[in-house]
Amino acid sequence: MEYLIISLLIFLGAILLVAEVALIPGFGITGILGAASMIAAVAYSFVTINSLAGFISLIIVVLICVVLILWAIYGNTLDKMSLKKNIDSTVMNPECEKLKVGDCGVCITRLALVGEVDFNGRIVEATSSSGLLNENTQVVVVRISGGVIYVKEVE
């Protein structure tokens, strides 16, 4: 009867650990219960049978845990949960459609690469293509690409 209880505890622990890895990862309670079940199986075998049975059950539990870890690492288990989609879309700036190359404006903020520029009352975010630009600097649009407005200082 003791062998059946030990086997059931080890089996229950393995099932709970598999559920933790494959079905409900990150939840935690199933992994804790699985580990507790396996520890209880080893402790029960030490207490009720003898030391040899305890060490045998300990070796079996360790082997099962090693197999589960290798299955999680080298199998497709963790690969199925990982994100693989790359976001390649961009948000179109509606102000880009109203501006064109050659439009002039004035820097409202300092353009340490990115800042705000006033184009005849229309305030937009722009990127400097010629380095640092201080506020109140006259700028001109040199390029509009992917929703980003590139400006440089008027010479």
N, C-alpha and C. Protein backbone atom coordinates (compact mmCIF):
# COMPACT_ATOMS: atom_id res chain seq x y z
N MET A 1 0.81 -1.19 0.00
CA MET A 1 0.00 0.00 0.00
C MET A 1 0.86 1.27 0.00
N GLU A 2 1.98 1.22 0.74
CA GLU A 2 2.86 2.39 0.79
C GLU A 2 3.44 2.71 -0.58
N TYR A 3 3.76 1.65 -1.34
CA TYR A 3 4.33 1.86 -2.67
C TYR A 3 3.32 2.53 -3.59
N LEU A 4 2.06 2.20 -3.44
CA LEU A 4 1.00 2.81 -4.25
C LEU A 4 0.87 4.29 -3.89
N ILE A 5 0.89 4.62 -2.62
CA ILE A 5 0.79 6.02 -2.18
C ILE A 5 1.98 6.82 -2.70
N ILE A 6 3.19 6.26 -2.58
CA ILE A 6 4.39 6.94 -3.05
C ILE A 6 4.32 7.15 -4.56
N SER A 7 3.91 6.12 -5.28
CA SER A 7 3.80 6.23 -6.74
C SER A 7 2.78 7.27 -7.14
N LEU A 8 1.64 7.29 -6.45
CA LEU A 8 0.60 8.28 -6.77
C LEU A 8 1.08 9.71 -6.46
N LEU A 9 1.78 9.89 -5.36
CA LEU A 9 2.30 11.22 -5.03
C LEU A 9 3.32 11.69 -6.05
N ILE A 10 4.20 10.80 -6.49
CA ILE A 10 5.19 11.17 -7.51
C ILE A 10 4.50 11.47 -8.83
N PHE A 11 3.52 10.65 -9.21
CA PHE A 11 2.79 10.86 -10.45
C PHE A 11 2.01 12.17 -10.39
N LEU A 12 1.33 12.44 -9.27
CA LEU A 12 0.59 13.68 -9.11
C LEU A 12 1.54 14.89 -9.19
N GLY A 13 2.69 14.78 -8.55
CA GLY A 13 3.67 15.86 -8.61
C GLY A 13 4.15 16.12 -10.02
N ALA A 14 4.41 15.04 -10.78
CA ALA A 14 4.86 15.20 -12.16
C ALA A 14 3.77 15.85 -13.01
N ILE A 15 2.53 15.43 -12.83
CA ILE A 15 1.42 16.01 -13.59
C ILE A 15 1.26 17.49 -13.27
N LEU A 16 1.36 17.84 -12.00
CA LEU A 16 1.23 19.25 -11.62
C LEU A 16 2.38 20.09 -12.17
N LEU A 17 3.59 19.55 -12.17
CA LEU A 17 4.71 20.29 -12.73
C LEU A 17 4.58 20.46 -14.25
N VAL A 18 4.09 19.44 -14.93
CA VAL A 18 3.85 19.56 -16.37
C VAL A 18 2.77 20.61 -16.62
N ALA A 19 1.74 20.62 -15.79
CA ALA A 19 0.68 21.63 -15.93
C ALA A 19 1.23 23.03 -15.70
N GLU A 20 2.15 23.15 -14.76
CA GLU A 20 2.76 24.46 -14.49
C GLU A 20 3.56 24.95 -15.69
N VAL A 21 4.29 24.06 -16.32
CA VAL A 21 5.13 24.47 -17.45
C VAL A 21 4.33 24.66 -18.72
N ALA A 22 3.41 23.75 -19.00
CA ALA A 22 2.75 23.74 -20.31
C ALA A 22 1.40 24.44 -20.34
N LEU A 23 0.61 24.31 -19.29
CA LEU A 23 -0.76 24.80 -19.37
C LEU A 23 -0.96 26.17 -18.74
N ILE A 24 -0.50 26.35 -17.52
CA ILE A 24 -0.72 27.60 -16.81
C ILE A 24 0.60 28.15 -16.26
N PRO A 25 1.49 28.55 -17.15
CA PRO A 25 2.80 29.02 -16.67
C PRO A 25 2.68 30.34 -15.91
N GLY A 26 3.51 30.46 -14.91
CA GLY A 26 3.57 31.69 -14.14
C GLY A 26 2.53 31.78 -13.04
N PHE A 27 1.63 30.84 -12.96
CA PHE A 27 0.59 30.88 -11.94
C PHE A 27 1.19 30.55 -10.58
N GLY A 28 2.06 29.53 -10.53
CA GLY A 28 2.84 29.24 -9.34
C GLY A 28 2.28 28.20 -8.41
N ILE A 29 0.98 28.20 -8.16
CA ILE A 29 0.43 27.29 -7.16
C ILE A 29 0.54 25.84 -7.62
N THR A 30 0.38 25.57 -8.92
CA THR A 30 0.50 24.20 -9.39
C THR A 30 1.94 23.70 -9.28
N GLY A 31 2.88 24.55 -9.55
CA GLY A 31 4.29 24.16 -9.40
C GLY A 31 4.64 23.90 -7.95
N ILE A 32 4.14 24.74 -7.06
CA ILE A 32 4.40 24.54 -5.63
C ILE A 32 3.76 23.25 -5.15
N LEU A 33 2.52 22.99 -5.57
CA LEU A 33 1.85 21.75 -5.17
C LEU A 33 2.54 20.53 -5.75
N GLY A 34 3.02 20.63 -6.98
CA GLY A 34 3.75 19.52 -7.60
C GLY A 34 5.03 19.20 -6.86
N ALA A 35 5.79 20.24 -6.54
CA ALA A 35 7.03 20.03 -5.80
C ALA A 35 6.74 19.49 -4.40
N ALA A 36 5.70 20.01 -3.76
CA ALA A 36 5.33 19.52 -2.42
C ALA A 36 4.91 18.06 -2.47
N SER A 37 4.21 17.68 -3.53
CA SER A 37 3.78 16.29 -3.67
C SER A 37 4.98 15.36 -3.82
N MET A 38 5.96 15.78 -4.60
CA MET A 38 7.15 14.95 -4.79
C MET A 38 7.98 14.87 -3.50
N ILE A 39 8.09 15.99 -2.80
CA ILE A 39 8.81 15.99 -1.52
C ILE A 39 8.09 15.11 -0.50
N ALA A 40 6.76 15.16 -0.50
CA ALA A 40 5.98 14.32 0.41
C ALA A 40 6.17 12.85 0.08
N ALA A 41 6.27 12.52 -1.21
CA ALA A 41 6.48 11.12 -1.60
C ALA A 41 7.82 10.62 -1.07
N VAL A 42 8.86 11.43 -1.22
CA VAL A 42 10.19 11.03 -0.73
C VAL A 42 10.19 10.92 0.78
N ALA A 43 9.60 11.89 1.46
CA ALA A 43 9.56 11.84 2.93
C ALA A 43 8.74 10.65 3.43
N TYR A 44 7.64 10.38 2.76
CA TYR A 44 6.80 9.24 3.14
C TYR A 44 7.53 7.92 2.96
N SER A 45 8.30 7.81 1.90
CA SER A 45 9.04 6.57 1.68
C SER A 45 10.16 6.40 2.71
N PHE A 46 10.80 7.50 3.11
CA PHE A 46 11.82 7.41 4.16
C PHE A 46 11.20 6.99 5.50
N VAL A 47 10.05 7.56 5.81
CA VAL A 47 9.43 7.32 7.13
C VAL A 47 8.77 5.96 7.21
N THR A 48 8.01 5.58 6.19
CA THR A 48 7.19 4.37 6.32
C THR A 48 7.90 3.09 5.90
N ILE A 49 8.81 3.17 4.93
CA ILE A 49 9.43 1.92 4.46
C ILE A 49 10.83 1.80 5.07
N ASN A 50 11.83 2.37 4.41
CA ASN A 50 13.20 2.37 4.95
C ASN A 50 14.04 3.35 4.14
N SER A 51 15.31 3.47 4.49
CA SER A 51 16.21 4.42 3.84
C SER A 51 16.44 4.08 2.38
N LEU A 52 16.55 2.80 2.08
CA LEU A 52 16.78 2.40 0.69
C LEU A 52 15.61 2.82 -0.20
N ALA A 53 14.39 2.61 0.25
CA ALA A 53 13.22 3.03 -0.52
C ALA A 53 13.18 4.55 -0.63
N GLY A 54 13.60 5.24 0.42
CA GLY A 54 13.64 6.70 0.38
C GLY A 54 14.62 7.21 -0.66
N PHE A 55 15.81 6.59 -0.69
CA PHE A 55 16.80 7.03 -1.68
C PHE A 55 16.38 6.67 -3.11
N ILE A 56 15.74 5.52 -3.26
CA ILE A 56 15.25 5.14 -4.59
C ILE A 56 14.18 6.12 -5.07
N SER A 57 13.26 6.47 -4.17
CA SER A 57 12.23 7.44 -4.57
C SER A 57 12.83 8.82 -4.81
N LEU A 58 13.85 9.17 -4.05
CA LEU A 58 14.54 10.44 -4.27
C LEU A 58 15.20 10.46 -5.65
N ILE A 59 15.85 9.39 -6.04
CA ILE A 59 16.49 9.31 -7.36
C ILE A 59 15.43 9.38 -8.46
N ILE A 60 14.31 8.71 -8.25
CA ILE A 60 13.24 8.75 -9.25
C ILE A 60 12.69 10.17 -9.40
N VAL A 61 12.48 10.85 -8.28
CA VAL A 61 11.96 12.23 -8.31
C VAL A 61 12.96 13.16 -9.01
N VAL A 62 14.24 13.02 -8.69
CA VAL A 62 15.26 13.85 -9.33
C VAL A 62 15.30 13.59 -10.84
N LEU A 63 15.24 12.32 -11.24
CA LEU A 63 15.24 12.00 -12.67
C LEU A 63 14.02 12.57 -13.37
N ILE A 64 12.86 12.47 -12.74
CA ILE A 64 11.65 13.05 -13.33
C ILE A 64 11.79 14.56 -13.48
N CYS A 65 12.33 15.21 -12.47
CA CYS A 65 12.52 16.67 -12.54
C CYS A 65 13.51 17.04 -13.63
N VAL A 66 14.59 16.29 -13.77
CA VAL A 66 15.58 16.56 -14.82
C VAL A 66 14.95 16.38 -16.19
N VAL A 67 14.17 15.31 -16.36
CA VAL A 67 13.50 15.08 -17.64
C VAL A 67 12.51 16.20 -17.95
N LEU A 68 11.76 16.66 -16.95
CA LEU A 68 10.81 17.76 -17.16
C LEU A 68 11.52 19.07 -17.51
N ILE A 69 12.64 19.32 -16.87
CA ILE A 69 13.40 20.54 -17.17
C ILE A 69 13.95 20.47 -18.59
N LEU A 70 14.52 19.33 -18.96
CA LEU A 70 15.04 19.18 -20.33
C LEU A 70 13.93 19.27 -21.36
N TRP A 71 12.76 18.70 -21.04
CA TRP A 71 11.62 18.79 -21.94
C TRP A 71 11.18 20.24 -22.12
N ALA A 72 11.19 21.00 -21.02
CA ALA A 72 10.77 22.41 -21.10
C ALA A 72 11.78 23.23 -21.88
N ILE A 73 13.08 22.93 -21.72
CA ILE A 73 14.10 23.73 -22.39
C ILE A 73 14.25 23.35 -23.86
N TYR A 74 14.39 22.07 -24.13
CA TYR A 74 14.71 21.64 -25.49
C TYR A 74 13.49 21.28 -26.33
N GLY A 75 12.36 21.10 -25.71
CA GLY A 75 11.15 20.83 -26.46
C GLY A 75 10.58 22.13 -26.98
N ASN A 76 9.46 22.05 -27.61
CA ASN A 76 8.82 23.26 -28.13
C ASN A 76 7.90 23.90 -27.09
N THR A 77 8.00 23.48 -25.85
CA THR A 77 7.09 23.96 -24.82
C THR A 77 7.25 25.45 -24.60
N LEU A 78 8.44 25.90 -24.33
CA LEU A 78 8.66 27.33 -24.09
C LEU A 78 8.60 28.12 -25.38
N ASP A 79 8.92 27.48 -26.50
CA ASP A 79 8.87 28.16 -27.78
C ASP A 79 7.44 28.52 -28.17
N LYS A 80 6.50 27.70 -27.77
CA LYS A 80 5.09 27.98 -28.08
C LYS A 80 4.58 29.18 -27.30
N MET A 81 5.17 29.44 -26.14
CA MET A 81 4.71 30.55 -25.31
C MET A 81 5.40 31.87 -25.65
N SER A 82 6.48 31.82 -26.39
CA SER A 82 7.23 33.04 -26.67
C SER A 82 6.57 33.84 -27.78
N LEU A 83 6.79 35.14 -27.72
CA LEU A 83 6.23 36.03 -28.73
C LEU A 83 7.16 36.05 -29.94
N LYS A 84 6.58 35.90 -31.12
CA LYS A 84 7.39 35.87 -32.33
C LYS A 84 7.02 36.95 -33.33
N LYS A 85 5.95 37.67 -33.09
CA LYS A 85 5.49 38.65 -34.05
C LYS A 85 6.30 39.93 -33.91
N ASN A 86 6.80 40.39 -35.02
CA ASN A 86 7.50 41.67 -35.05
C ASN A 86 6.52 42.75 -35.45
N ILE A 87 6.56 43.86 -34.76
CA ILE A 87 5.69 44.98 -35.09
C ILE A 87 6.41 45.82 -36.13
N ASP A 88 5.89 45.82 -37.34
CA ASP A 88 6.53 46.57 -38.41
C ASP A 88 5.66 47.72 -38.90
N SER A 89 4.54 47.95 -38.25
CA SER A 89 3.67 49.05 -38.66
C SER A 89 4.11 50.33 -37.96
N THR A 90 3.74 51.44 -38.53
CA THR A 90 4.05 52.73 -37.94
C THR A 90 2.78 53.54 -37.82
N VAL A 91 2.77 54.45 -36.90
CA VAL A 91 1.64 55.35 -36.74
C VAL A 91 1.90 56.55 -37.63
N MET A 92 0.97 56.80 -38.53
CA MET A 92 1.15 57.91 -39.46
C MET A 92 0.79 59.21 -38.75
N ASN A 93 1.69 60.16 -38.82
CA ASN A 93 1.48 61.48 -38.25
C ASN A 93 0.60 62.26 -39.21
N PRO A 94 -0.61 62.68 -38.79
CA PRO A 94 -1.48 63.40 -39.73
C PRO A 94 -0.90 64.73 -40.18
N GLU A 95 0.02 65.28 -39.39
CA GLU A 95 0.65 66.54 -39.78
C GLU A 95 1.61 66.36 -40.96
N CYS A 96 2.09 65.12 -41.16
CA CYS A 96 3.00 64.87 -42.28
C CYS A 96 2.31 65.10 -43.62
N GLU A 97 1.02 64.84 -43.66
CA GLU A 97 0.30 65.01 -44.91
C GLU A 97 0.10 66.49 -45.24
N LYS A 98 0.08 67.35 -44.22
CA LYS A 98 -0.13 68.78 -44.43
C LYS A 98 1.15 69.52 -44.75
N LEU A 99 2.30 68.91 -44.43
CA LEU A 99 3.58 69.55 -44.69
C LEU A 99 4.24 68.95 -45.93
N LYS A 100 5.13 69.72 -46.50
CA LYS A 100 5.90 69.21 -47.64
C LYS A 100 7.33 69.69 -47.52
N VAL A 101 8.22 69.07 -48.26
CA VAL A 101 9.63 69.44 -48.24
C VAL A 101 9.76 70.88 -48.69
N GLY A 102 10.50 71.65 -47.92
CA GLY A 102 10.71 73.06 -48.24
C GLY A 102 9.92 74.00 -47.35
N ASP A 103 8.95 73.50 -46.58
CA ASP A 103 8.19 74.35 -45.67
C ASP A 103 9.11 74.84 -44.55
N CYS A 104 8.93 76.09 -44.16
CA CYS A 104 9.76 76.70 -43.13
C CYS A 104 8.98 76.83 -41.83
N GLY A 105 9.71 76.77 -40.71
CA GLY A 105 9.11 76.91 -39.40
C GLY A 105 10.12 77.40 -38.40
N VAL A 106 9.69 77.50 -37.14
CA VAL A 106 10.53 77.99 -36.05
C VAL A 106 10.50 76.95 -34.93
N CYS A 107 11.68 76.65 -34.39
CA CYS A 107 11.77 75.70 -33.28
C CYS A 107 11.14 76.30 -32.03
N ILE A 108 10.22 75.59 -31.44
CA ILE A 108 9.62 76.03 -30.18
C ILE A 108 10.47 75.53 -29.02
N THR A 109 10.89 74.29 -29.12
CA THR A 109 11.79 73.73 -28.10
C THR A 109 13.13 73.43 -28.74
N ARG A 110 14.07 73.13 -27.92
CA ARG A 110 15.39 72.76 -28.41
C ARG A 110 15.31 71.39 -29.07
N LEU A 111 15.85 71.27 -30.26
CA LEU A 111 15.86 70.00 -30.96
C LEU A 111 17.19 69.31 -30.70
N ALA A 112 17.23 68.55 -29.62
CA ALA A 112 18.36 67.69 -29.36
C ALA A 112 17.98 66.38 -30.02
N LEU A 113 17.96 66.39 -31.30
CA LEU A 113 17.46 65.40 -32.23
C LEU A 113 15.95 65.51 -32.40
N VAL A 114 15.16 65.52 -31.33
CA VAL A 114 13.71 65.60 -31.47
C VAL A 114 13.19 66.76 -30.63
N GLY A 115 12.23 67.49 -31.18
CA GLY A 115 11.61 68.60 -30.46
C GLY A 115 10.39 69.09 -31.22
N GLU A 116 9.83 70.21 -30.78
CA GLU A 116 8.63 70.75 -31.40
C GLU A 116 8.98 71.94 -32.28
N VAL A 117 8.30 71.98 -33.43
CA VAL A 117 8.52 73.06 -34.40
C VAL A 117 7.16 73.64 -34.76
N ASP A 118 7.12 74.98 -34.90
CA ASP A 118 5.89 75.67 -35.28
C ASP A 118 5.96 75.99 -36.77
N PHE A 119 5.01 75.40 -37.53
CA PHE A 119 4.89 75.69 -38.95
C PHE A 119 3.60 76.47 -39.15
N ASN A 120 3.68 77.82 -39.11
CA ASN A 120 2.53 78.71 -39.30
C ASN A 120 1.37 78.34 -38.38
N GLY A 121 1.63 78.21 -37.10
CA GLY A 121 0.60 77.91 -36.13
C GLY A 121 0.34 76.43 -35.93
N ARG A 122 0.93 75.61 -36.73
CA ARG A 122 0.77 74.16 -36.61
C ARG A 122 2.01 73.62 -35.89
N ILE A 123 1.83 73.15 -34.66
CA ILE A 123 2.96 72.67 -33.87
C ILE A 123 3.08 71.16 -34.05
N VAL A 124 4.25 70.73 -34.53
CA VAL A 124 4.49 69.31 -34.78
C VAL A 124 5.81 68.89 -34.16
N GLU A 125 5.94 67.60 -33.97
CA GLU A 125 7.20 67.04 -33.49
C GLU A 125 8.08 66.78 -34.69
N ALA A 126 9.32 67.23 -34.62
CA ALA A 126 10.24 67.07 -35.74
C ALA A 126 11.58 66.57 -35.23
N THR A 127 12.34 66.00 -36.16
CA THR A 127 13.66 65.47 -35.86
C THR A 127 14.70 66.29 -36.61
N SER A 128 15.76 66.66 -35.92
CA SER A 128 16.82 67.43 -36.55
C SER A 128 17.72 66.50 -37.36
N SER A 129 17.98 66.89 -38.59
CA SER A 129 18.90 66.10 -39.41
C SER A 129 20.28 66.73 -39.45
N SER A 130 20.44 67.85 -38.75
CA SER A 130 21.74 68.53 -38.77
C SER A 130 22.29 68.77 -37.37
N GLY A 131 21.93 67.92 -36.41
CA GLY A 131 22.47 68.07 -35.07
C GLY A 131 21.58 68.89 -34.17
N LEU A 132 22.17 69.47 -33.14
CA LEU A 132 21.45 70.22 -32.13
C LEU A 132 20.97 71.56 -32.69
N LEU A 133 19.68 71.86 -32.45
CA LEU A 133 19.11 73.15 -32.86
C LEU A 133 18.46 73.79 -31.64
N ASN A 134 18.80 75.05 -31.36
CA ASN A 134 18.22 75.76 -30.22
C ASN A 134 16.83 76.27 -30.57
N GLU A 135 16.09 76.68 -29.53
CA GLU A 135 14.76 77.21 -29.78
C GLU A 135 14.87 78.55 -30.50
N ASN A 136 13.80 78.93 -31.18
CA ASN A 136 13.69 80.14 -32.01
C ASN A 136 14.62 80.10 -33.20
N THR A 137 15.03 78.93 -33.63
CA THR A 137 15.87 78.77 -34.82
C THR A 137 14.96 78.52 -36.01
N GLN A 138 15.24 79.20 -37.11
CA GLN A 138 14.48 78.99 -38.35
C GLN A 138 14.91 77.66 -38.96
N VAL A 139 13.95 76.81 -39.29
CA VAL A 139 14.24 75.50 -39.85
C VAL A 139 13.41 75.29 -41.12
N VAL A 140 13.86 74.33 -41.92
CA VAL A 140 13.16 73.97 -43.15
C VAL A 140 13.03 72.45 -43.20
N VAL A 141 11.92 71.97 -43.73
CA VAL A 141 11.69 70.53 -43.85
C VAL A 141 12.56 70.01 -44.99
N VAL A 142 13.39 69.01 -44.69
CA VAL A 142 14.24 68.44 -45.73
C VAL A 142 13.76 67.06 -46.17
N ARG A 143 12.99 66.38 -45.30
CA ARG A 143 12.54 65.04 -45.65
C ARG A 143 11.40 64.64 -44.73
N ILE A 144 10.45 63.89 -45.27
CA ILE A 144 9.36 63.31 -44.48
C ILE A 144 9.37 61.82 -44.78
N SER A 145 9.60 61.03 -43.74
CA SER A 145 9.74 59.58 -43.96
C SER A 145 9.13 58.81 -42.80
N GLY A 146 8.20 57.92 -43.08
CA GLY A 146 7.62 57.05 -42.07
C GLY A 146 6.96 57.79 -40.92
N GLY A 147 6.32 58.91 -41.18
CA GLY A 147 5.66 59.66 -40.13
C GLY A 147 6.59 60.55 -39.33
N VAL A 148 7.82 60.68 -39.76
CA VAL A 148 8.79 61.52 -39.06
C VAL A 148 9.18 62.67 -39.97
N ILE A 149 9.16 63.89 -39.41
CA ILE A 149 9.51 65.08 -40.15
C ILE A 149 10.95 65.46 -39.81
N TYR A 150 11.80 65.51 -40.81
CA TYR A 150 13.21 65.86 -40.62
C TYR A 150 13.43 67.29 -41.05
N VAL A 151 14.07 68.07 -40.17
CA VAL A 151 14.31 69.48 -40.46
C VAL A 151 15.80 69.80 -40.29
N LYS A 152 16.19 70.90 -40.91
CA LYS A 152 17.54 71.43 -40.70
C LYS A 152 17.45 72.93 -40.61
N GLU A 153 18.50 73.54 -40.09
CA GLU A 153 18.53 74.99 -39.93
C GLU A 153 18.57 75.69 -41.29
N VAL A 154 17.81 76.80 -41.41
CA VAL A 154 17.82 77.59 -42.64
C VAL A 154 19.14 78.33 -42.70
N GLU A 155 19.79 78.27 -43.85
CA GLU A 155 21.10 78.93 -43.99
C GLU A 155 20.98 80.29 -44.63
